[in-house]
Amino acid sequence: MARTSRSLGVPRWLCAALALMALSACSQDTTPAARPGRPTAAVSAGPTPSAHSGLTGRFVLIRDLGLGEVFTMNADGTGQLRLTRDADQDSEPDLSPDGTRIAFTSYRHGQAQVYVMNADGRGKQQRLTGSGADEYGPVFSPDGSRIAYVSLQHGSSEIYVMDADGTNQRRLTHNREIDFEPVFSPDGSRIAFTSKRDADGGLRNGEVYVMRADGSGQTRLTRHRADSDSPTFSPDNARIAFSSWRDGDDDIYDMALDGSDLRKLTDSPGDDNRAVYSPDGTRIAFVAGRSGICISA
């Protein structure tokens, strides 16, 4: 679910490949542009890096085996290990900071729900949510004590947080429009997310927001007629990378925490999205849909 939940109409197929780039900026682009019909990133794509994968030397990824299953692999792509085996879709895995658990989204009970399992796939896969509505997109806090996620239990897509065992579920955003894609800052004090609450030129486009971890101080960081989404913090807590459809396809950008100093980092004919910084902040992993390296299983 790189953009929204399956219940919101996201397709399941995407040609994608994992790529790495040096952290260097291309020309800055802040010119508003009309948004053409845009493809939406898939719920179960080819290798999608976990935000914490660098802590154990392994990536957590989704492979399309009919619907989607959770795998782990070494950073060079070897040693792929399948962790889930379900008739329904499993997606959006996130590795805990200590490398022992994986939170993920599963449709095994007919709707999206948040689960957690041991990182080696052994033992019980525990369901953490169950409001009766779709709940998805789990991400661990830096200390592993909390999980941020998205719930539709009040009719629209909102950001929630809960303890890592599923208790103390708390709603952080309150909007009629969609809020999704939460991610914690490295110090755990803030959460960046994507929201469609603002209409620029009549378009319900996505924009990157940031708030305190308790839901207060919600601040808009991007302003453009094209979608901006999939935010992630740099390890030093100084910048936020995101993807945006400003030049006719998705490219990776980053910016300072207040939205200033915008830099364009990729410029290719295919879609580049789902950026993740390396642990030392010098490189970025991202999903790239480019001719010749397309993966679909």
Protein backbone atom coordinates (compact mmCIF):
# COMPACT_ATOMS: atom_id res chain seq x y z
CA MET A 1 0.00 0.00 0.00
CA ALA A 2 2.37 2.64 -1.09
CA ARG A 3 -0.37 5.25 -1.42
CA THR A 4 -3.65 4.16 0.15
CA SER A 5 -5.42 1.00 1.24
CA ARG A 6 -6.76 -1.63 -1.15
CA SER A 7 -10.29 -0.61 -0.11
CA LEU A 8 -9.63 2.80 -1.65
CA GLY A 9 -9.06 1.28 -5.07
CA VAL A 10 -5.28 0.82 -5.27
CA PRO A 11 -4.21 -1.71 -7.94
CA ARG A 12 -2.07 -4.65 -6.84
CA TRP A 13 0.36 -4.76 -9.77
CA LEU A 14 3.44 -2.63 -10.23
CA CYS A 15 6.62 -3.18 -12.25
CA ALA A 16 9.32 -2.14 -9.80
CA ALA A 17 12.93 -2.72 -8.93
CA LEU A 18 15.03 -1.77 -5.94
CA ALA A 19 17.72 0.78 -6.69
CA LEU A 20 20.37 2.68 -4.74
CA MET A 21 21.63 6.18 -5.44
CA ALA A 22 24.24 8.52 -4.02
CA LEU A 23 22.66 11.36 -2.05
CA SER A 24 23.21 14.24 -4.47
CA ALA A 25 20.70 16.84 -5.57
CA CYS A 26 19.63 17.70 -9.10
CA SER A 27 18.06 21.00 -10.08
CA GLN A 28 15.40 22.38 -7.76
CA ASP A 29 11.83 22.36 -9.07
CA THR A 30 9.06 24.36 -7.45
CA THR A 31 7.00 25.29 -10.53
CA PRO A 32 3.31 24.27 -10.18
CA ALA A 33 2.18 21.84 -12.87
CA ALA A 34 -1.15 20.32 -13.74
CA ARG A 35 -1.51 16.72 -12.61
CA PRO A 36 -2.29 14.27 -15.42
CA GLY A 37 -3.87 10.90 -14.87
CA ARG A 38 -1.41 9.28 -12.49
CA PRO A 39 -0.71 5.59 -11.92
CA THR A 40 -0.91 4.59 -8.27
CA ALA A 41 1.83 2.61 -6.58
CA ALA A 42 0.90 -0.96 -5.84
CA VAL A 43 -0.01 -2.57 -2.58
CA SER A 44 2.26 -5.54 -3.17
CA ALA A 45 5.22 -4.46 -5.24
CA GLY A 46 8.57 -6.01 -6.01
CA PRO A 47 11.22 -5.40 -3.35
CA THR A 48 10.09 -2.66 -0.98
CA PRO A 49 12.66 -1.77 1.69
CA SER A 50 11.65 -1.55 5.33
CA ALA A 51 12.52 1.72 7.06
CA HIS A 52 14.60 -0.20 9.59
CA SER A 53 16.11 -2.85 7.32
CA GLY A 54 19.67 -1.53 7.62
CA LEU A 55 19.79 -2.37 11.34
CA THR A 56 20.03 -6.11 10.70
CA GLY A 57 21.64 -6.22 7.26
CA ARG A 58 18.46 -7.66 5.73
CA PHE A 59 15.58 -6.13 3.82
CA VAL A 60 11.93 -6.90 4.42
CA LEU A 61 9.97 -7.05 1.17
CA ILE A 62 6.76 -8.11 -0.54
CA ARG A 63 6.62 -10.51 -3.46
CA ASP A 64 3.52 -11.00 -5.61
CA LEU A 65 2.72 -14.69 -5.34
CA GLY A 66 -0.90 -14.33 -6.41
CA LEU A 67 -1.68 -11.62 -3.86
CA GLY A 68 1.41 -10.87 -1.80
CA GLU A 69 3.64 -12.50 0.81
CA VAL A 70 6.25 -11.16 3.24
CA PHE A 71 9.88 -12.13 2.62
CA THR A 72 13.26 -11.13 4.01
CA MET A 73 16.49 -11.06 2.01
CA ASN A 74 20.11 -10.02 2.30
CA ALA A 75 21.03 -6.54 1.10
CA ASP A 76 22.47 -8.01 -2.12
CA GLY A 77 19.19 -9.80 -2.92
CA THR A 78 20.34 -13.26 -1.89
CA GLY A 79 18.95 -15.46 0.85
CA GLN A 80 15.28 -14.70 0.28
CA LEU A 81 13.14 -16.26 3.01
CA ARG A 82 9.34 -16.46 2.80
CA LEU A 83 7.64 -15.65 6.13
CA THR A 84 3.91 -15.69 5.36
CA ARG A 85 1.76 -18.24 3.51
CA ASP A 86 -1.82 -17.06 3.20
CA ALA A 87 -4.54 -17.18 0.58
CA ASP A 88 -5.14 -13.47 1.18
CA GLN A 89 -2.82 -10.52 0.74
CA ASP A 90 0.00 -9.78 3.22
CA SER A 91 1.82 -6.48 2.64
CA GLU A 92 3.50 -3.38 4.13
CA PRO A 93 6.03 -5.10 6.41
CA ASP A 94 8.06 -3.02 8.87
CA LEU A 95 10.96 -4.42 10.90
CA SER A 96 11.24 -3.47 14.58
CA PRO A 97 14.36 -1.49 15.55
CA ASP A 98 15.82 -4.45 17.44
CA GLY A 99 15.28 -6.70 14.40
CA THR A 100 13.15 -9.26 16.27
CA ARG A 101 9.62 -8.51 15.02
CA ILE A 102 7.84 -7.54 11.83
CA ALA A 103 4.56 -5.61 11.76
CA PHE A 104 2.55 -6.00 8.57
CA THR A 105 -0.88 -5.64 6.98
CA SER A 106 -2.97 -8.71 6.17
CA TYR A 107 -6.35 -9.26 4.51
CA ARG A 108 -6.69 -12.80 5.87
CA HIS A 109 -9.92 -11.92 7.72
CA GLY A 110 -11.56 -10.15 4.79
CA GLN A 111 -10.29 -6.65 5.49
CA ALA A 112 -6.97 -4.96 6.16
CA GLN A 113 -5.70 -5.49 9.71
CA VAL A 114 -2.36 -4.97 11.44
CA TYR A 115 -0.41 -8.07 12.51
CA VAL A 116 2.95 -8.69 14.13
CA MET A 117 5.22 -11.76 13.90
CA ASN A 118 8.72 -12.86 14.79
CA ALA A 119 11.28 -11.68 12.26
CA ASP A 120 12.15 -15.28 11.35
CA GLY A 121 8.48 -16.06 10.67
CA ARG A 122 8.29 -18.66 13.43
CA GLY A 123 5.58 -18.77 16.08
CA LYS A 124 2.15 -17.14 16.12
CA GLN A 125 1.31 -14.24 13.85
CA GLN A 126 -0.65 -11.97 16.19
CA ARG A 127 -3.46 -9.67 15.10
CA LEU A 128 -3.22 -6.25 16.80
CA THR A 129 -6.23 -4.37 15.39
CA GLY A 130 -9.90 -5.28 15.02
CA SER A 131 -12.18 -2.25 14.94
CA GLY A 132 -14.32 -3.70 12.14
CA ALA A 133 -12.83 -1.29 9.59
CA ASP A 134 -9.72 -1.46 7.40
CA GLU A 135 -6.54 -0.77 9.40
CA TYR A 136 -3.15 -0.86 7.70
CA GLY A 137 0.31 0.66 7.16
CA PRO A 138 2.06 -0.15 10.48
CA VAL A 139 5.43 1.43 11.34
CA PHE A 140 7.41 0.98 14.54
CA SER A 141 8.62 3.89 16.66
CA PRO A 142 12.44 4.13 17.00
CA ASP A 143 12.37 2.49 20.44
CA GLY A 144 9.98 -0.24 19.28
CA SER A 145 7.40 0.55 21.98
CA ARG A 146 4.73 1.99 19.66
CA ILE A 147 3.26 1.37 16.23
CA ALA A 148 1.70 4.09 14.07
CA TYR A 149 -0.91 2.94 11.55
CA VAL A 150 -3.95 4.01 9.54
CA SER A 151 -7.57 3.23 10.43
CA LEU A 152 -10.87 3.83 8.64
CA GLN A 153 -12.99 3.12 11.73
CA HIS A 154 -14.44 6.65 11.68
CA GLY A 155 -15.20 6.64 7.96
CA SER A 156 -12.09 8.34 6.64
CA SER A 157 -8.43 7.34 6.65
CA GLU A 158 -6.83 8.64 9.88
CA ILE A 159 -3.49 8.22 11.65
CA TYR A 160 -3.51 6.22 14.89
CA VAL A 161 -0.82 5.04 17.30
CA MET A 162 -0.82 2.07 19.68
CA ASP A 163 1.55 0.26 21.98
CA ALA A 164 3.50 -2.48 20.21
CA ASP A 165 1.28 -5.16 21.78
CA GLY A 166 -1.87 -3.56 20.30
CA THR A 167 -3.07 -1.82 23.48
CA ASN A 168 -3.72 1.91 24.06
CA GLN A 169 -4.92 2.67 20.52
CA ARG A 170 -5.18 6.45 20.08
CA ARG A 171 -6.39 8.57 17.17
CA LEU A 172 -4.01 11.40 16.14
CA THR A 173 -5.68 13.06 13.12
CA HIS A 174 -9.28 14.20 12.66
CA ASN A 175 -10.14 15.05 9.04
CA ARG A 176 -12.78 14.23 6.46
CA GLU A 177 -10.04 13.75 3.88
CA ILE A 178 -7.41 11.00 3.76
CA ASP A 179 -4.44 10.96 6.15
CA PHE A 180 -2.03 8.06 5.63
CA GLU A 181 1.62 6.90 5.34
CA PRO A 182 2.80 7.75 8.88
CA VAL A 183 6.50 7.46 9.74
CA PHE A 184 8.31 8.32 12.99
CA SER A 185 11.28 10.67 13.20
CA PRO A 186 14.52 9.02 14.40
CA ASP A 187 14.11 10.54 17.86
CA GLY A 188 10.46 9.47 18.07
CA SER A 189 9.22 12.99 18.76
CA ARG A 190 7.44 13.56 15.45
CA ILE A 191 5.45 11.75 12.79
CA ALA A 192 5.51 12.70 9.11
CA PHE A 193 2.53 11.65 7.00
CA THR A 194 0.64 12.29 3.78
CA SER A 195 -2.69 14.10 3.75
CA LYS A 196 -5.24 15.00 1.10
CA ARG A 197 -6.96 17.56 3.34
CA ASP A 198 -5.91 20.56 1.21
CA ALA A 199 -7.37 21.39 -2.18
CA ASP A 200 -4.97 23.20 -4.52
CA GLY A 201 -6.76 24.40 -7.61
CA GLY A 202 -9.67 22.10 -6.79
CA LEU A 203 -7.42 19.01 -6.74
CA ARG A 204 -7.40 16.66 -3.76
CA ASN A 205 -3.68 16.12 -4.06
CA GLY A 206 -1.44 14.58 -1.45
CA GLU A 207 0.83 16.82 0.61
CA VAL A 208 3.50 15.98 3.19
CA TYR A 209 2.70 16.98 6.79
CA VAL A 210 4.50 16.62 10.09
CA MET A 211 3.12 16.56 13.65
CA ARG A 212 4.29 15.82 17.15
CA ALA A 213 4.02 12.17 18.15
CA ASP A 214 0.95 12.98 20.26
CA GLY A 215 -0.88 14.43 17.22
CA SER A 216 -0.42 18.10 18.08
CA GLY A 217 1.21 20.75 15.89
CA GLN A 218 0.13 19.36 12.50
CA THR A 219 2.04 21.36 9.88
CA ARG A 220 1.97 21.24 6.09
CA LEU A 221 5.45 21.05 4.49
CA THR A 222 4.81 20.75 0.72
CA ARG A 223 2.69 22.98 -1.50
CA HIS A 224 2.21 21.87 -5.09
CA ARG A 225 -0.64 20.96 -7.42
CA ALA A 226 1.01 17.57 -8.01
CA ASP A 227 0.96 14.80 -5.42
CA SER A 228 3.71 14.67 -2.80
CA ASP A 229 3.75 11.60 -0.58
CA SER A 230 5.69 8.70 1.02
CA PRO A 231 7.74 10.84 3.46
CA THR A 232 10.70 9.45 5.42
CA PHE A 233 13.14 11.11 7.83
CA SER A 234 16.91 11.16 7.42
CA PRO A 235 18.85 9.41 10.22
CA ASP A 236 20.15 12.72 11.58
CA ASN A 237 16.58 14.03 11.83
CA ALA A 238 17.52 16.98 9.60
CA ARG A 239 15.65 16.23 6.35
CA ILE A 240 12.59 14.49 4.93
CA ALA A 241 12.68 12.62 1.62
CA PHE A 242 9.47 12.08 -0.35
CA SER A 243 8.21 11.33 -3.84
CA SER A 244 6.31 13.77 -6.03
CA TRP A 245 4.59 13.77 -9.43
CA ARG A 246 5.83 17.22 -10.46
CA ASP A 247 7.40 16.39 -13.82
CA GLY A 248 5.00 13.86 -15.28
CA ASP A 249 6.19 10.92 -13.19
CA ASP A 250 7.30 10.17 -9.66
CA ASP A 251 10.73 11.43 -8.61
CA ILE A 252 12.50 11.51 -5.24
CA TYR A 253 12.92 14.86 -3.50
CA ASP A 254 14.11 15.88 -0.08
CA MET A 255 13.75 19.00 2.03
CA ALA A 256 14.56 20.48 5.42
CA LEU A 257 12.17 19.74 8.30
CA ASP A 258 10.38 23.06 7.79
CA GLY A 259 9.81 22.40 4.07
CA SER A 260 12.62 24.68 2.88
CA ASP A 261 15.73 23.79 0.85
CA LEU A 262 13.86 21.55 -1.60
CA ARG A 263 16.14 19.27 -3.66
CA LYS A 264 15.28 16.98 -6.55
CA LEU A 265 17.27 13.75 -6.27
CA THR A 266 16.11 11.62 -9.23
CA ASP A 267 15.13 12.50 -12.78
CA SER A 268 14.26 9.39 -14.80
CA PRO A 269 11.46 8.55 -17.26
CA GLY A 270 10.02 5.95 -14.86
CA ASP A 271 8.47 6.30 -11.42
CA ASP A 272 10.83 6.57 -8.44
CA ASN A 273 9.18 6.33 -5.02
CA ARG A 274 9.24 4.79 -1.52
CA ALA A 275 12.59 6.36 -0.54
CA VAL A 276 14.50 5.07 2.50
CA TYR A 277 17.75 6.57 3.80
CA SER A 278 20.74 4.36 4.55
CA PRO A 279 21.67 4.21 8.27
CA ASP A 280 24.52 6.72 7.75
CA GLY A 281 22.31 9.05 5.66
CA THR A 282 24.65 9.10 2.65
CA ARG A 283 22.52 6.93 0.34
CA ILE A 284 18.84 6.34 -0.41
CA ALA A 285 17.11 3.11 -1.41
CA PHE A 286 13.96 3.51 -3.48
CA VAL A 287 11.56 1.60 -5.70
CA ALA A 288 12.14 2.34 -9.38
CA GLY A 289 9.83 1.46 -12.28
CA ARG A 290 12.26 1.59 -15.18
CA SER A 291 12.43 -0.20 -18.51
CA GLY A 292 14.66 -3.23 -18.52
CA ILE A 293 14.67 -3.84 -14.75
CA CYS A 294 10.97 -4.33 -14.22
CA ILE A 295 10.02 -7.03 -11.73
CA SER A 296 6.60 -8.61 -11.33
CA ALA A 297 6.00 -12.06 -9.85
